[in-house]
Each structure stands twice: as C-alpha cells, then as structure tokens.
Amino acid sequence: MIKPVLALSIAGLLFSPAIKADTLLGLYIGADAWRTSTEGGFANTDKLQTLNFDDKTQASYYIALEHPIPVLPNARIQHTPLTANGSTGLSSNLSLNNTTFLQGTDIKNQVDLTSTDYILYYELFDNSLISLDLGVNAKYIKGDVYIKDTITGVAAGESVSKILPTAYAAATIGLPLTGLELFANGSYMTYDDNTIYDVQAGIAYALVDNIAIDVRLRAGYRAVNIKLDNVDSLYTDIDFNGAFVGLELHF
C-alpha cells in the first residue's frame, strides 16, 4: 500500500500546476551582466578570416508574462547588445562595402549588433520540481560592422537588419529544500548556410521567495553564434561566449 501512495504523491508533484503556476498573471523581469569572448569574422564574401576582438562585459535584459489561459501562449522579450572591437593584421584580402583591405594591412575592426528576441511559448509542465517551455522566437538582428585601416584611415562599414525565426525551449529543475534551481534555455535556427543559436545554462538561488515577490540570483554560461550567408550583402560567422551573473524578479 505504501508504494502506490508514494508513486501517486510523486506524480502529483510533477504534474500538478498548483504549486508554482501563476493563477492570475506572473511577471518576470531580469538583467544579466555577461562577460563575452568574441571570435570570428565578417566580410562581403564567404571568404572569412578570423579577426581579433577584445573581451567585453555587456548587459542583457528580459521581461516575460505568464498567464493561466491554456490556449494562449506566454510571451517573453529579451534584448542583448552584441558588441566587440579589436585590432587585426589581415592574413588575406578582406572586402567590405566595395572596399578591399589588402593582406598585411593592420586594421581596427568592430561589430555592433543587437539581438532582440520576441518569444511566444507554452508551458508543458510548471511546478516546484520541473518546468518545461516550448515555443517560437522571432530573433531580430540589427546593427553594423566596421573596419578602418590604421595607417591610411580608409574605412568601410556594412549594416544588417533581419528577423530570423527560431525554435525556442526552456527547462528548470528545482532542487528541493535548497533554494536552488538548475535552468537552461535557448533558440536555434538553421537554413541554407545561415545558422543562429543562442543558448544558456546555469544555476539560480532564491534570495527572496514569498507570495508577493521572488528574487533569484542567477549565474551561468551563455553562447551565441551568428552565421549569416549573404544577408543584406553581409557574411558573418561570429561567436559570443562567456559567463554571466544576474538577478530575476518574479511578481
């Protein structure tokens, strides 16, 4: 008799939405400080070479709204600057906006993009032990890249503005009696020779957890890759990777 009762109790914890789900509206607001290491390159052709970029700390912000109406998706918006600059001695010719920078030229290179995610998702599970979300993301990549010859001062830039549809998934696993959660989420898309992924994973600790507000300290690792194939005449293959720490408020 004990085993069936125990099994039913565990199943109730896993699949009951009453423990953690928002009965009216749940608002999540978060901000992260992300220390990025940037690798890759850009050009007007697919002949890319690796450019040097300095590490940089940049911020990421998000807001999400969840509700109890099953047929309507929840919504999340996340905004992340993707910026980096550095100096490179070119190992081969590089073309940008009808300007060719010759092999051996010392250049200043800069990438200044923003990534804004417009996500609609459904909660498949939502309780104190496990949550799982699936949805779609319209990832809006906007900004420019820039190169300047350090000797002659000749410069060239190229702009890009594109909405790229991606799949979205998120999962959280609670660690009972610890105040800790493991979390992971990400977006992914690939078609033709274009690839976008934006994934992160980490651990969160509940600093405040009551009926009015939850405050969680988050830390983890995030990786973003933007590989564009002739999008607005631009080719890129750039990785942004690094650790982050942040706070999340849940009302």
C-alpha atoms as a PDB file:
ATOM      1  CA  MET A   1       0.000   0.000   0.000  1.00  0.00           C
ATOM      2  CA  ILE A   2       2.861   2.382   0.791  1.00  0.00           C
ATOM      3  CA  LYS A   3       4.447   2.122  -2.671  1.00  0.00           C
ATOM      4  CA  PRO A   4       1.282   3.110  -4.628  1.00  0.00           C
ATOM      5  CA  VAL A   5       0.691   6.057  -2.297  1.00  0.00           C
ATOM      6  CA  LEU A   6       4.301   7.214  -2.716  1.00  0.00           C
ATOM      7  CA  ALA A   7       4.087   6.889  -6.505  1.00  0.00           C
ATOM      8  CA  LEU A   8       0.872   8.903  -6.603  1.00  0.00           C
ATOM      9  CA  SER A   9       2.428  11.594  -4.397  1.00  0.00           C
ATOM     10  CA  ILE A  10       5.454  11.966  -6.701  1.00  0.00           C
ATOM     11  CA  ALA A  11       3.232  12.081  -9.778  1.00  0.00           C
ATOM     12  CA  GLY A  12       1.119  14.754  -8.138  1.00  0.00           C
ATOM     13  CA  LEU A  13       4.201  16.901  -7.512  1.00  0.00           C
ATOM     14  CA  LEU A  14       5.439  16.532 -11.074  1.00  0.00           C
ATOM     15  CA  PHE A  15       2.242  17.166 -12.943  1.00  0.00           C
ATOM     16  CA  SER A  16       0.157  19.410 -10.680  1.00  0.00           C
ATOM     17  CA  PRO A  17       0.292  23.062 -11.791  1.00  0.00           C
ATOM     18  CA  ALA A  18      -0.944  24.352  -8.425  1.00  0.00           C
ATOM     19  CA  ILE A  19       2.444  24.573  -6.720  1.00  0.00           C
ATOM     20  CA  LYS A  20       4.267  27.004  -8.959  1.00  0.00           C
ATOM     21  CA  ALA A  21       1.985  28.035 -11.801  1.00  0.00           C
ATOM     22  CA  ASP A  22       0.666  31.589 -11.827  1.00  0.00           C
ATOM     23  CA  THR A  23      -3.033  31.591 -11.005  1.00  0.00           C
ATOM     24  CA  LEU A  24      -3.596  35.064 -12.456  1.00  0.00           C
ATOM     25  CA  LEU A  25      -0.589  36.763 -14.049  1.00  0.00           C
ATOM     26  CA  GLY A  26       3.110  36.189 -13.483  1.00  0.00           C
ATOM     27  CA  LEU A  27       5.602  38.881 -14.436  1.00  0.00           C
ATOM     28  CA  TYR A  28       9.326  38.113 -14.702  1.00  0.00           C
ATOM     29  CA  ILE A  29      11.926  40.868 -15.038  1.00  0.00           C
ATOM     30  CA  GLY A  30      15.637  40.085 -15.258  1.00  0.00           C
ATOM     31  CA  ALA A  31      19.024  41.563 -16.081  1.00  0.00           C
ATOM     32  CA  ASP A  32      22.390  39.854 -16.597  1.00  0.00           C
ATOM     33  CA  ALA A  33      25.983  41.067 -16.787  1.00  0.00           C
ATOM     34  CA  TRP A  34      27.667  38.930 -19.431  1.00  0.00           C
ATOM     35  CA  ARG A  35      31.445  38.742 -19.901  1.00  0.00           C
ATOM     36  CA  THR A  36      31.913  37.861 -23.566  1.00  0.00           C
ATOM     37  CA  SER A  37      34.815  36.468 -25.508  1.00  0.00           C
ATOM     38  CA  THR A  38      34.264  37.113 -29.220  1.00  0.00           C
ATOM     39  CA  GLU A  39      35.666  35.105 -32.125  1.00  0.00           C
ATOM     40  CA  GLY A  40      35.061  35.042 -35.866  1.00  0.00           C
ATOM     41  CA  GLY A  41      34.846  37.436 -38.761  1.00  0.00           C
ATOM     42  CA  PHE A  42      32.742  39.238 -41.364  1.00  0.00           C
ATOM     43  CA  ALA A  43      33.020  40.384 -44.985  1.00  0.00           C
ATOM     44  CA  ASN A  44      31.054  40.909 -48.196  1.00  0.00           C
ATOM     45  CA  THR A  45      32.090  37.453 -49.415  1.00  0.00           C
ATOM     46  CA  ASP A  46      32.140  33.984 -47.903  1.00  0.00           C
ATOM     47  CA  LYS A  47      35.958  34.133 -47.698  1.00  0.00           C
ATOM     48  CA  LEU A  48      36.055  34.940 -43.997  1.00  0.00           C
ATOM     49  CA  GLN A  49      39.114  35.179 -41.801  1.00  0.00           C
ATOM     50  CA  THR A  50      39.408  35.275 -38.034  1.00  0.00           C
ATOM     51  CA  LEU A  51      39.556  38.792 -36.607  1.00  0.00           C
ATOM     52  CA  ASN A  52      40.835  39.678 -33.148  1.00  0.00           C
ATOM     53  CA  PHE A  53      38.350  41.038 -30.602  1.00  0.00           C
ATOM     54  CA  ASP A  54      38.835  42.195 -27.027  1.00  0.00           C
ATOM     55  CA  ASP A  55      36.759  40.683 -24.224  1.00  0.00           C
ATOM     56  CA  LYS A  56      33.890  42.839 -23.027  1.00  0.00           C
ATOM     57  CA  THR A  57      31.207  42.920 -20.338  1.00  0.00           C
ATOM     58  CA  GLN A  58      27.765  43.697 -21.697  1.00  0.00           C
ATOM     59  CA  ALA A  59      24.231  43.610 -20.353  1.00  0.00           C
ATOM     60  CA  SER A  60      21.175  41.589 -21.271  1.00  0.00           C
ATOM     61  CA  TYR A  61      17.607  42.361 -20.220  1.00  0.00           C
ATOM     62  CA  TYR A  62      14.372  40.409 -20.408  1.00  0.00           C
ATOM     63  CA  ILE A  63      10.734  40.529 -19.390  1.00  0.00           C
ATOM     64  CA  ALA A  64       8.204  37.688 -19.533  1.00  0.00           C
ATOM     65  CA  LEU A  65       4.471  37.494 -18.899  1.00  0.00           C
ATOM     66  CA  GLU A  66       2.766  34.217 -17.994  1.00  0.00           C
ATOM     67  CA  HIS A  67      -0.939  33.553 -17.509  1.00  0.00           C
ATOM     68  CA  PRO A  68      -3.274  30.595 -16.811  1.00  0.00           C
ATOM     69  CA  ILE A  69      -5.163  30.573 -20.155  1.00  0.00           C
ATOM     70  CA  PRO A  70      -4.109  27.281 -21.839  1.00  0.00           C
ATOM     71  CA  VAL A  71      -4.907  28.221 -25.450  1.00  0.00           C
ATOM     72  CA  LEU A  72      -2.904  31.469 -25.417  1.00  0.00           C
ATOM     73  CA  PRO A  73       0.903  31.466 -25.454  1.00  0.00           C
ATOM     74  CA  ASN A  74       3.016  33.222 -22.859  1.00  0.00           C
ATOM     75  CA  ALA A  75       5.336  35.992 -24.037  1.00  0.00           C
ATOM     76  CA  ARG A  76       8.962  36.908 -23.430  1.00  0.00           C
ATOM     77  CA  ILE A  77      11.097  39.751 -24.814  1.00  0.00           C
ATOM     78  CA  GLN A  78      14.877  39.737 -24.416  1.00  0.00           C
ATOM     79  CA  HIS A  79      17.323  42.413 -25.562  1.00  0.00           C
ATOM     80  CA  THR A  80      21.065  41.819 -25.834  1.00  0.00           C
ATOM     81  CA  PRO A  81      23.748  44.095 -27.304  1.00  0.00           C
ATOM     82  CA  LEU A  82      26.402  42.095 -29.161  1.00  0.00           C
ATOM     83  CA  THR A  83      29.365  44.425 -29.453  1.00  0.00           C
ATOM     84  CA  ALA A  84      33.120  43.918 -29.679  1.00  0.00           C
ATOM     85  CA  ASN A  85      36.153  45.645 -31.159  1.00  0.00           C
ATOM     86  CA  GLY A  86      39.802  44.880 -31.657  1.00  0.00           C
ATOM     87  CA  SER A  87      42.859  45.114 -33.905  1.00  0.00           C
ATOM     88  CA  THR A  88      43.934  42.615 -36.565  1.00  0.00           C
ATOM     89  CA  GLY A  89      46.746  42.168 -39.068  1.00  0.00           C
ATOM     90  CA  LEU A  90      44.979  40.739 -42.116  1.00  0.00           C
ATOM     91  CA  SER A  91      46.165  37.341 -43.290  1.00  0.00           C
ATOM     92  CA  SER A  92      44.417  37.789 -46.665  1.00  0.00           C
ATOM     93  CA  ASN A  93      42.447  40.415 -48.559  1.00  0.00           C
ATOM     94  CA  LEU A  94      39.147  41.443 -46.981  1.00  0.00           C
ATOM     95  CA  SER A  95      36.287  43.167 -48.836  1.00  0.00           C
ATOM     96  CA  LEU A  96      33.625  45.283 -47.173  1.00  0.00           C
ATOM     97  CA  ASN A  97      31.197  47.706 -48.856  1.00  0.00           C
ATOM     98  CA  ASN A  98      33.150  47.837 -52.137  1.00  0.00           C
ATOM     99  CA  THR A  99      36.427  48.482 -50.299  1.00  0.00           C
ATOM    100  CA  THR A 100      39.252  45.945 -50.313  1.00  0.00           C
ATOM    101  CA  PHE A 101      41.722  45.851 -47.433  1.00  0.00           C
ATOM    102  CA  LEU A 102      44.900  44.102 -48.570  1.00  0.00           C
ATOM    103  CA  GLN A 103      46.706  41.235 -46.923  1.00  0.00           C
ATOM    104  CA  GLY A 104      49.117  42.513 -44.266  1.00  0.00           C
ATOM    105  CA  THR A 105      47.074  45.636 -43.505  1.00  0.00           C
ATOM    106  CA  ASP A 106      46.647  46.493 -39.833  1.00  0.00           C
ATOM    107  CA  ILE A 107      43.001  47.294 -39.154  1.00  0.00           C
ATOM    108  CA  LYS A 108      40.657  48.282 -36.370  1.00  0.00           C
ATOM    109  CA  ASN A 109      37.613  46.016 -36.524  1.00  0.00           C
ATOM    110  CA  GLN A 110      34.276  46.429 -34.787  1.00  0.00           C
ATOM    111  CA  VAL A 111      30.972  44.603 -34.607  1.00  0.00           C
ATOM    112  CA  ASP A 112      27.972  46.408 -33.116  1.00  0.00           C
ATOM    113  CA  LEU A 113      24.843  44.284 -33.323  1.00  0.00           C
ATOM    114  CA  THR A 114      21.756  43.983 -31.173  1.00  0.00           C
ATOM    115  CA  SER A 115      19.691  40.858 -30.701  1.00  0.00           C
ATOM    116  CA  THR A 116      16.063  41.305 -29.691  1.00  0.00           C
ATOM    117  CA  ASP A 117      14.001  38.168 -29.121  1.00  0.00           C
ATOM    118  CA  TYR A 118      10.203  38.136 -29.393  1.00  0.00           C
ATOM    119  CA  ILE A 119       9.196  34.763 -27.961  1.00  0.00           C
ATOM    120  CA  LEU A 120       5.807  33.053 -27.712  1.00  0.00           C
ATOM    121  CA  TYR A 121       5.767  29.810 -25.735  1.00  0.00           C
ATOM    122  CA  TYR A 122       3.603  27.279 -23.955  1.00  0.00           C
ATOM    123  CA  GLU A 123       4.301  25.696 -20.563  1.00  0.00           C
ATOM    124  CA  LEU A 124       4.158  21.899 -20.826  1.00  0.00           C
ATOM    125  CA  PHE A 125       4.991  21.484 -17.124  1.00  0.00           C
ATOM    126  CA  ASP A 126       5.102  24.090 -14.382  1.00  0.00           C
ATOM    127  CA  ASN A 127       5.566  23.103 -10.743  1.00  0.00           C
ATOM    128  CA  SER A 128       8.183  23.347  -7.998  1.00  0.00           C
ATOM    129  CA  LEU A 129      10.228  20.407  -9.304  1.00  0.00           C
ATOM    130  CA  ILE A 130      10.231  20.811 -13.063  1.00  0.00           C
ATOM    131  CA  SER A 131       9.107  23.247 -15.739  1.00  0.00           C
ATOM    132  CA  LEU A 132       9.344  22.874 -19.494  1.00  0.00           C
ATOM    133  CA  ASP A 133       8.520  25.505 -22.123  1.00  0.00           C
ATOM    134  CA  LEU A 134       8.382  25.183 -25.907  1.00  0.00           C
ATOM    135  CA  GLY A 135       7.725  27.896 -28.438  1.00  0.00           C
ATOM    136  CA  VAL A 136       8.938  30.057 -31.304  1.00  0.00           C
ATOM    137  CA  ASN A 137      11.188  33.087 -31.392  1.00  0.00           C
ATOM    138  CA  ALA A 138      11.403  35.947 -33.877  1.00  0.00           C
ATOM    139  CA  LYS A 139      15.034  36.984 -33.357  1.00  0.00           C
ATOM    140  CA  TYR A 140      15.709  40.460 -34.702  1.00  0.00           C
ATOM    141  CA  ILE A 141      19.371  41.062 -35.559  1.00  0.00           C
ATOM    142  CA  LYS A 142      20.187  44.711 -36.251  1.00  0.00           C
ATOM    143  CA  GLY A 143      23.406  46.712 -36.381  1.00  0.00           C
ATOM    144  CA  ASP A 144      26.617  47.111 -38.336  1.00  0.00           C
ATOM    145  CA  VAL A 145      30.200  46.007 -38.745  1.00  0.00           C
ATOM    146  CA  TYR A 146      33.131  48.328 -39.341  1.00  0.00           C
ATOM    147  CA  ILE A 147      36.777  48.242 -40.458  1.00  0.00           C
ATOM    148  CA  LYS A 148      39.402  51.001 -40.538  1.00  0.00           C
ATOM    149  CA  ASP A 149      42.950  50.930 -41.905  1.00  0.00           C
ATOM    150  CA  THR A 150      45.134  52.160 -39.033  1.00  0.00           C
ATOM    151  CA  ILE A 151      47.701  53.721 -41.412  1.00  0.00           C
ATOM    152  CA  THR A 152      45.715  55.323 -44.225  1.00  0.00           C
ATOM    153  CA  GLY A 153      42.476  55.922 -42.322  1.00  0.00           C
ATOM    154  CA  VAL A 154      40.401  54.282 -45.071  1.00  0.00           C
ATOM    155  CA  ALA A 155      37.239  52.856 -43.509  1.00  0.00           C
ATOM    156  CA  ALA A 156      34.219  50.819 -44.550  1.00  0.00           C
ATOM    157  CA  GLY A 157      31.095  49.536 -42.875  1.00  0.00           C
ATOM    158  CA  GLU A 158      28.064  47.406 -43.600  1.00  0.00           C
ATOM    159  CA  SER A 159      24.654  47.280 -41.932  1.00  0.00           C
ATOM    160  CA  VAL A 160      22.275  44.393 -41.375  1.00  0.00           C
ATOM    161  CA  SER A 161      18.644  44.256 -40.253  1.00  0.00           C
ATOM    162  CA  LYS A 162      16.885  40.910 -40.310  1.00  0.00           C
ATOM    163  CA  ILE A 163      14.221  38.964 -38.425  1.00  0.00           C
ATOM    164  CA  LEU A 164      15.123  35.274 -38.201  1.00  0.00           C
ATOM    165  CA  PRO A 165      12.573  32.691 -36.976  1.00  0.00           C
ATOM    166  CA  THR A 166      13.940  30.163 -34.487  1.00  0.00           C
ATOM    167  CA  ALA A 167      12.658  27.382 -32.255  1.00  0.00           C
ATOM    168  CA  TYR A 168      12.663  28.078 -28.500  1.00  0.00           C
ATOM    169  CA  ALA A 169      12.863  25.783 -25.463  1.00  0.00           C
ATOM    170  CA  ALA A 170      13.450  26.300 -21.744  1.00  0.00           C
ATOM    171  CA  ALA A 171      13.669  23.960 -18.759  1.00  0.00           C
ATOM    172  CA  THR A 172      14.062  24.380 -14.999  1.00  0.00           C
ATOM    173  CA  ILE A 173      14.724  21.693 -12.382  1.00  0.00           C
ATOM    174  CA  GLY A 174      14.182  22.559  -8.734  1.00  0.00           C
ATOM    175  CA  LEU A 175      16.424  21.103  -6.035  1.00  0.00           C
ATOM    176  CA  PRO A 176      14.100  20.582  -3.022  1.00  0.00           C
ATOM    177  CA  LEU A 177      14.970  22.165   0.355  1.00  0.00           C
ATOM    178  CA  THR A 178      17.969  24.052  -1.093  1.00  0.00           C
ATOM    179  CA  GLY A 179      16.509  27.170  -2.703  1.00  0.00           C
ATOM    180  CA  LEU A 180      18.438  26.226  -5.832  1.00  0.00           C
ATOM    181  CA  GLU A 181      17.279  25.663  -9.402  1.00  0.00           C
ATOM    182  CA  LEU A 182      19.081  24.418 -12.492  1.00  0.00           C
ATOM    183  CA  PHE A 183      17.967  26.135 -15.671  1.00  0.00           C
ATOM    184  CA  ALA A 184      18.641  26.091 -19.405  1.00  0.00           C
ATOM    185  CA  ASN A 185      17.061  27.828 -22.380  1.00  0.00           C
ATOM    186  CA  GLY A 186      17.872  28.531 -25.961  1.00  0.00           C
ATOM    187  CA  SER A 187      16.862  29.363 -29.518  1.00  0.00           C
ATOM    188  CA  TYR A 188      18.079  27.642 -32.676  1.00  0.00           C
ATOM    189  CA  MET A 189      17.643  28.014 -36.428  1.00  0.00           C
ATOM    190  CA  THR A 190      19.456  26.750 -39.493  1.00  0.00           C
ATOM    191  CA  TYR A 191      18.528  27.028 -43.171  1.00  0.00           C
ATOM    192  CA  ASP A 192      20.655  27.144 -46.306  1.00  0.00           C
ATOM    193  CA  ASP A 193      24.018  28.349 -44.953  1.00  0.00           C
ATOM    194  CA  ASN A 194      22.542  30.534 -42.205  1.00  0.00           C
ATOM    195  CA  THR A 195      22.747  29.402 -38.585  1.00  0.00           C
ATOM    196  CA  ILE A 196      21.685  31.131 -35.397  1.00  0.00           C
ATOM    197  CA  TYR A 197      21.862  29.739 -31.894  1.00  0.00           C
ATOM    198  CA  ASP A 198      21.575  31.427 -28.516  1.00  0.00           C
ATOM    199  CA  VAL A 199      21.817  29.053 -25.545  1.00  0.00           C
ATOM    200  CA  GLN A 200      22.486  29.415 -21.845  1.00  0.00           C
ATOM    201  CA  ALA A 201      22.536  27.208 -18.757  1.00  0.00           C
ATOM    202  CA  GLY A 202      23.205  27.819 -15.103  1.00  0.00           C
ATOM    203  CA  ILE A 203      22.014  27.770 -11.518  1.00  0.00           C
ATOM    204  CA  ALA A 204      19.683  30.112  -9.623  1.00  0.00           C
ATOM    205  CA  TYR A 205      19.313  30.733  -5.891  1.00  0.00           C
ATOM    206  CA  ALA A 206      16.199  32.147  -4.220  1.00  0.00           C
ATOM    207  CA  LEU A 207      17.226  35.204  -2.212  1.00  0.00           C
ATOM    208  CA  VAL A 208      13.564  36.048  -1.508  1.00  0.00           C
ATOM    209  CA  ASP A 209      10.658  33.648  -2.011  1.00  0.00           C
ATOM    210  CA  ASN A 210       7.235  34.691  -0.777  1.00  0.00           C
ATOM    211  CA  ILE A 211       3.722  35.269  -2.024  1.00  0.00           C
ATOM    212  CA  ALA A 212       4.419  38.871  -3.094  1.00  0.00           C
ATOM    213  CA  ILE A 213       7.747  38.622  -4.869  1.00  0.00           C
ATOM    214  CA  ASP A 214      10.514  36.158  -5.700  1.00  0.00           C
ATOM    215  CA  VAL A 215      14.085  37.347  -6.153  1.00  0.00           C
ATOM    216  CA  ARG A 216      16.622  34.978  -7.658  1.00  0.00           C
ATOM    217  CA  LEU A 217      20.358  35.304  -8.141  1.00  0.00           C
ATOM    218  CA  ARG A 218      21.401  33.645 -11.410  1.00  0.00           C
ATOM    219  CA  ALA A 219      24.790  32.575 -12.727  1.00  0.00           C
ATOM    220  CA  GLY A 220      25.751  30.522 -15.747  1.00  0.00           C
ATOM    221  CA  TYR A 221      27.271  30.386 -19.200  1.00  0.00           C
ATOM    222  CA  ARG A 222      25.859  31.715 -22.490  1.00  0.00           C
ATOM    223  CA  ALA A 223      26.890  31.088 -26.089  1.00  0.00           C
ATOM    224  CA  VAL A 224      25.635  32.931 -29.185  1.00  0.00           C
ATOM    225  CA  ASN A 225      26.558  32.193 -32.788  1.00  0.00           C
ATOM    226  CA  ILE A 226      25.520  34.357 -35.743  1.00  0.00           C
ATOM    227  CA  LYS A 227      26.348  32.837 -39.108  1.00  0.00           C
ATOM    228  CA  LEU A 228      24.824  34.816 -41.962  1.00  0.00           C
ATOM    229  CA  ASP A 229      25.148  33.946 -45.625  1.00  0.00           C
ATOM    230  CA  ASN A 230      24.659  36.997 -47.849  1.00  0.00           C
ATOM    231  CA  VAL A 231      22.094  38.701 -45.620  1.00  0.00           C
ATOM    232  CA  ASP A 232      21.942  42.369 -46.663  1.00  0.00           C
ATOM    233  CA  SER A 233      25.176  41.668 -48.617  1.00  0.00           C
ATOM    234  CA  LEU A 234      26.904  40.572 -45.398  1.00  0.00           C
ATOM    235  CA  TYR A 235      28.567  37.289 -44.471  1.00  0.00           C
ATOM    236  CA  THR A 236      29.361  36.630 -40.804  1.00  0.00           C
ATOM    237  CA  ASP A 237      30.445  33.790 -38.578  1.00  0.00           C
ATOM    238  CA  ILE A 238      30.804  35.269 -35.098  1.00  0.00           C
ATOM    239  CA  ASP A 239      30.696  33.610 -31.666  1.00  0.00           C
ATOM    240  CA  PHE A 240      29.982  35.395 -28.380  1.00  0.00           C
ATOM    241  CA  ASN A 241      30.699  33.176 -25.357  1.00  0.00           C
ATOM    242  CA  GLY A 242      31.129  33.693 -21.643  1.00  0.00           C
ATOM    243  CA  ALA A 243      29.883  33.547 -18.082  1.00  0.00           C
ATOM    244  CA  PHE A 244      27.084  35.738 -16.750  1.00  0.00           C
ATOM    245  CA  VAL A 245      25.552  36.707 -13.421  1.00  0.00           C
ATOM    246  CA  GLY A 246      22.222  38.415 -12.891  1.00  0.00           C
ATOM    247  CA  LEU A 247      19.030  38.962 -10.897  1.00  0.00           C
ATOM    248  CA  GLU A 248      15.460  37.950 -11.698  1.00  0.00           C
ATOM    249  CA  LEU A 249      12.318  39.362 -10.089  1.00  0.00           C
ATOM    250  CA  HIS A 250       9.060  37.419 -10.206  1.00  0.00           C
ATOM    251  CA  PHE A 251       5.845  39.202  -9.235  1.00  0.00           C
END
